[in-house]
Amino acid sequence: MIWENWDDLFVVYQPSSAETHVFNETTGSILECLGESALSADELKNQTEAALGVSQSELDDTDFAFALQRLEELGLIERLDDPSAAQ
């Protein structure tokens, strides 16, 4: 992926599909956190909240789940049964 960050917008070019996506700060932060290592959903939510500078549990669970689902549908992330198996 090739991406640029402008304030609270993330523009991501996906070479495998030749598509460009525009994401909000939350979804962009999720991608950044996953770029470092595979994480469980709980770990990812905690790291995303830290990256956004919000307190733990402040990020709405429904919004977070929707962002993960959308990223998975676009083929930008892949859900693993055991994140430690990918490391």
Protein backbone atom coordinates (compact mmCIF):
# COMPACT_ATOMS: atom_id res chain seq x y z
CA MET A 1 0.00 0.00 0.00
CA ILE A 2 1.03 3.54 -0.64
CA TRP A 3 -0.49 6.16 1.59
CA GLU A 4 -0.46 9.79 2.58
CA ASN A 5 -1.81 11.42 5.70
CA TRP A 6 -3.30 14.92 5.56
CA ASP A 7 -4.39 16.03 9.01
CA ASP A 8 -7.36 13.78 9.74
CA LEU A 9 -7.61 12.10 6.31
CA PHE A 10 -5.68 9.10 5.04
CA VAL A 11 -5.45 8.42 1.31
CA VAL A 12 -4.43 4.85 0.55
CA TYR A 13 -3.52 3.46 -2.88
CA GLN A 14 -3.95 -0.30 -3.09
CA PRO A 15 -1.76 -1.60 -5.97
CA SER A 16 -3.35 -5.07 -5.96
CA SER A 17 -6.73 -3.60 -6.96
CA ALA A 18 -5.53 -0.28 -8.46
CA GLU A 19 -8.00 1.46 -6.13
CA THR A 20 -7.56 4.56 -4.03
CA HIS A 21 -9.38 4.83 -0.70
CA VAL A 22 -9.93 7.81 1.60
CA PHE A 23 -10.24 7.04 5.31
CA ASN A 24 -10.88 9.06 8.42
CA GLU A 25 -8.33 9.33 11.22
CA THR A 26 -9.71 6.33 13.11
CA THR A 27 -9.51 3.94 10.16
CA GLY A 28 -6.10 5.30 9.18
CA SER A 29 -4.85 4.74 12.72
CA ILE A 30 -6.10 1.15 12.61
CA LEU A 31 -4.06 0.56 9.44
CA GLU A 32 -0.99 2.17 10.99
CA CYS A 33 -1.24 0.00 14.10
CA LEU A 34 -1.60 -3.15 12.01
CA GLY A 35 1.40 -2.13 9.93
CA GLU A 36 3.59 -2.81 12.94
CA SER A 37 2.33 -6.32 13.86
CA ALA A 38 -0.65 -8.65 13.94
CA LEU A 39 -2.90 -7.85 16.90
CA SER A 40 -6.02 -9.21 18.51
CA ALA A 41 -9.09 -7.00 18.14
CA ASP A 42 -8.79 -5.87 21.77
CA GLU A 43 -5.10 -5.04 21.42
CA LEU A 44 -5.78 -3.21 18.16
CA LYS A 45 -8.58 -1.17 19.73
CA ASN A 46 -6.32 -0.22 22.66
CA GLN A 47 -3.45 0.78 20.36
CA THR A 48 -5.80 2.72 18.07
CA GLU A 49 -7.20 4.64 21.04
CA ALA A 50 -3.65 5.44 22.15
CA ALA A 51 -2.71 6.58 18.63
CA LEU A 52 -5.79 8.83 18.55
CA GLY A 53 -4.99 10.22 21.99
CA VAL A 54 -8.30 9.15 23.51
CA SER A 55 -8.86 7.23 26.71
CA GLN A 56 -9.35 3.49 26.75
CA SER A 57 -12.92 2.50 25.80
CA GLU A 58 -13.63 5.98 24.39
CA LEU A 59 -13.61 4.66 20.81
CA ASP A 60 -17.12 3.36 20.09
CA ASP A 61 -17.16 -0.45 19.71
CA THR A 62 -19.66 -0.31 16.84
CA ASP A 63 -17.61 2.26 14.90
CA PHE A 64 -14.44 0.26 15.49
CA ALA A 65 -16.06 -3.01 14.34
CA PHE A 66 -17.46 -1.28 11.24
CA ALA A 67 -14.02 0.08 10.31
CA LEU A 68 -12.47 -3.39 10.69
CA GLN A 69 -15.20 -4.96 8.59
CA ARG A 70 -14.79 -2.36 5.84
CA LEU A 71 -11.01 -2.77 5.75
CA GLU A 72 -11.44 -6.52 5.50
CA GLU A 73 -14.01 -6.19 2.69
CA LEU A 74 -11.57 -4.01 0.76
CA GLY A 75 -8.84 -6.61 1.16
CA LEU A 76 -6.60 -4.24 3.13
CA ILE A 77 -6.53 -6.43 6.24
CA GLU A 78 -7.04 -10.10 6.92
CA ARG A 79 -8.57 -11.56 10.06
CA LEU A 80 -6.49 -14.29 11.65
CA ASP A 81 -7.73 -16.85 14.17
CA ASP A 82 -4.48 -16.51 16.17
CA PRO A 83 -2.54 -13.23 15.71
CA SER A 84 0.59 -14.74 17.26
CA ALA A 85 0.77 -17.26 14.37
CA ALA A 86 1.53 -14.42 11.94
CA GLN A 87 4.59 -13.21 13.86
